[in-house]
């Protein structure tokens, strides 16, 4: 469940905002029809997005986890725009197995402990697209729903 904490928090926030928008549109009788309609449409849209995200997250959770053994090639701290002219850091481990490359998003403590040119076993939930297929390509996969990263002897990655 911890692997999906960010998604579940976002879903909860969207659903609360959607209900608040619809409730505001229905209960504020003194506002004009246009303002109430706009508030109701925005609330309905947020509810719809929250429901779709819920379905996608549940499908990813119930599809089961995957495990890969890979060699850590590099560590990157990616900077993303978080709005209000601020940036957020994402900790990414670039890994390679015998058949595929992975970018594994981990928390700061796992990033600090990871050592380049070491072998790791990663347990994660593969992302699923809208149509149910995996979002992974044959030679590359971005992994964000990580449940466990475990160091292995170097011989495991040969």
Protein backbone atom coordinates (compact mmCIF):
# COMPACT_ATOMS: atom_id res chain seq x y z
CA UNK A 1 0.00 0.00 0.00
CA UNK A 2 2.91 2.35 0.69
CA UNK A 3 3.97 2.14 -2.98
CA UNK A 4 0.65 3.77 -3.91
CA UNK A 5 0.52 6.39 -1.16
CA UNK A 6 1.11 9.30 -3.55
CA UNK A 7 -1.58 8.11 -5.96
CA UNK A 8 -4.09 7.46 -3.20
CA UNK A 9 -3.46 10.90 -1.67
CA UNK A 10 -3.98 12.58 -5.05
CA UNK A 11 -7.17 10.60 -5.64
CA UNK A 12 -8.53 11.56 -2.22
CA UNK A 13 -7.73 15.23 -2.84
CA UNK A 14 -9.45 15.19 -6.26
CA UNK A 15 -12.54 13.47 -4.89
CA UNK A 16 -12.86 15.90 -1.97
CA UNK A 17 -12.47 18.90 -4.31
CA UNK A 18 -14.99 17.41 -6.74
CA UNK A 19 -17.60 16.83 -4.04
CA UNK A 20 -16.97 20.32 -2.63
CA UNK A 21 -17.42 21.85 -6.10
CA UNK A 22 -20.67 20.00 -6.75
CA UNK A 23 -21.92 20.74 -3.25
CA UNK A 24 -21.09 24.40 -3.64
CA UNK A 25 -22.92 24.55 -6.98
CA UNK A 26 -26.02 22.94 -5.49
CA UNK A 27 -26.13 24.76 -2.16
CA UNK A 28 -25.18 28.34 -3.07
CA UNK A 29 -28.51 29.57 -4.40
CA UNK A 30 -27.53 33.27 -4.26
CA UNK A 31 -24.83 32.92 -6.93
CA UNK A 32 -25.66 33.39 -10.59
CA UNK A 33 -26.55 30.47 -12.83
CA UNK A 34 -23.31 30.77 -14.81
CA UNK A 35 -21.13 30.69 -11.68
CA UNK A 36 -23.05 27.72 -10.27
CA UNK A 37 -22.87 25.88 -13.60
CA UNK A 38 -19.12 26.47 -13.88
CA UNK A 39 -18.57 25.31 -10.29
CA UNK A 40 -20.70 22.21 -10.87
CA UNK A 41 -18.90 21.38 -14.14
CA UNK A 42 -15.49 21.77 -12.48
CA UNK A 43 -16.57 19.61 -9.54
CA UNK A 44 -17.97 16.95 -11.88
CA UNK A 45 -14.77 16.96 -13.93
CA UNK A 46 -12.63 16.52 -10.81
CA UNK A 47 -14.85 13.66 -9.65
CA UNK A 48 -14.54 12.00 -13.05
CA UNK A 49 -10.74 12.32 -13.02
CA UNK A 50 -10.65 10.94 -9.47
CA UNK A 51 -12.78 7.94 -10.44
CA UNK A 52 -10.64 7.18 -13.52
CA UNK A 53 -7.44 7.46 -11.45
CA UNK A 54 -8.98 5.17 -8.83
CA UNK A 55 -9.79 2.54 -11.45
CA UNK A 56 -6.29 2.72 -12.97
CA UNK A 57 -4.61 2.50 -9.56
CA UNK A 58 -6.78 -0.44 -8.49
CA UNK A 59 -6.05 -2.25 -11.75
CA UNK A 60 -2.31 -1.74 -11.25
CA UNK A 61 -2.56 -2.96 -7.64
CA UNK A 62 -4.57 -6.07 -8.46
CA UNK A 63 -2.51 -7.04 -11.53
CA UNK A 64 0.28 -8.14 -9.21
CA UNK A 65 3.87 -7.23 -8.67
CA UNK A 66 6.95 -7.96 -10.74
CA UNK A 67 10.52 -8.64 -9.71
CA UNK A 68 13.66 -7.85 -11.66
CA UNK A 69 17.34 -8.41 -10.97
CA UNK A 70 19.49 -5.68 -12.48
CA UNK A 71 22.84 -3.90 -12.29
CA UNK A 72 22.82 -0.29 -11.08
CA UNK A 73 24.52 1.80 -13.78
CA UNK A 74 23.95 5.32 -12.48
CA UNK A 75 22.08 7.43 -9.92
CA UNK A 76 20.32 10.66 -10.90
CA UNK A 77 18.52 13.37 -8.98
CA UNK A 78 15.93 14.73 -11.42
CA UNK A 79 14.52 18.19 -10.80
CA UNK A 80 10.87 18.72 -11.74
CA UNK A 81 8.78 21.88 -11.73
CA UNK A 82 6.31 21.79 -8.85
CA UNK A 83 4.54 25.06 -9.58
CA UNK A 84 4.97 28.45 -7.92
CA UNK A 85 8.51 28.63 -9.40
CA UNK A 86 9.72 25.82 -7.15
CA UNK A 87 11.31 22.49 -7.98
CA UNK A 88 10.91 18.99 -6.56
CA UNK A 89 13.56 16.29 -6.57
CA UNK A 90 13.02 12.76 -7.86
CA UNK A 91 15.61 10.11 -6.99
CA UNK A 92 16.16 7.74 -9.92
CA UNK A 93 18.32 4.63 -10.20
CA UNK A 94 19.29 3.75 -13.78
CA UNK A 95 19.50 -0.04 -13.97
CA UNK A 96 20.07 -2.64 -16.66
CA UNK A 97 19.11 -6.31 -16.75
CA UNK A 98 20.09 -8.72 -19.50
CA UNK A 99 17.09 -7.69 -21.62
CA UNK A 100 15.84 -4.29 -20.48
CA UNK A 101 16.79 -0.88 -19.06
CA UNK A 102 14.95 0.50 -16.03
CA UNK A 103 14.64 3.91 -14.43
CA UNK A 104 13.57 3.15 -10.86
CA UNK A 105 12.18 5.99 -8.74
CA UNK A 106 13.05 5.50 -5.06
CA UNK A 107 12.99 7.57 -1.89
CA UNK A 108 15.99 9.59 -0.73
CA UNK A 109 17.23 7.03 1.79
CA UNK A 110 17.26 4.17 -0.76
CA UNK A 111 19.01 6.49 -3.23
CA UNK A 112 21.75 7.29 -0.71
CA UNK A 113 22.34 3.63 0.17
CA UNK A 114 22.44 2.40 -3.45
CA UNK A 115 25.92 1.91 -4.94
CA UNK A 116 26.75 2.13 -8.63
CA UNK A 117 27.92 -1.14 -10.28
CA UNK A 118 26.12 -3.21 -7.62
CA UNK A 119 23.45 -5.83 -8.23
CA UNK A 120 19.90 -5.30 -6.91
CA UNK A 121 16.57 -7.08 -6.92
CA UNK A 122 13.62 -4.68 -7.30
CA UNK A 123 10.01 -5.59 -6.51
CA UNK A 124 7.46 -3.23 -8.07
CA UNK A 125 3.99 -2.91 -9.54
CA UNK A 126 4.18 -2.37 -13.31
CA UNK A 127 2.07 0.55 -14.53
CA UNK A 128 -1.00 -0.24 -16.61
CA UNK A 129 -2.41 1.94 -19.38
CA UNK A 130 -6.03 2.90 -19.98
CA UNK A 131 -6.62 -0.15 -22.17
CA UNK A 132 -5.10 -2.56 -19.66
CA UNK A 133 -1.79 -3.16 -21.41
CA UNK A 134 1.47 -2.58 -19.61
CA UNK A 135 3.03 0.84 -20.19
CA UNK A 136 6.46 -0.75 -20.56
CA UNK A 137 8.26 -1.03 -23.85
CA UNK A 138 10.30 -4.09 -24.77
CA UNK A 139 13.65 -2.46 -23.99
CA UNK A 140 12.82 0.22 -21.36
CA UNK A 141 10.57 0.64 -18.33
CA UNK A 142 10.04 3.51 -15.88
CA UNK A 143 9.25 2.12 -12.42
CA UNK A 144 7.63 4.27 -9.74
CA UNK A 145 5.57 1.85 -7.61
CA UNK A 146 8.53 0.23 -5.86
CA UNK A 147 7.89 -1.97 -2.83
CA UNK A 148 11.39 -3.29 -2.16
CA UNK A 149 15.00 -2.83 -3.32
CA UNK A 150 17.41 -5.50 -2.08
CA UNK A 151 21.15 -5.79 -2.66
CA UNK A 152 22.35 -9.08 -4.19
CA UNK A 153 25.81 -10.59 -4.77
CA UNK A 154 27.40 -9.41 -8.03
CA UNK A 155 27.22 -12.96 -9.42
CA UNK A 156 23.40 -12.66 -9.61
CA UNK A 157 23.66 -9.99 -12.32
CA UNK A 158 25.99 -11.95 -14.61
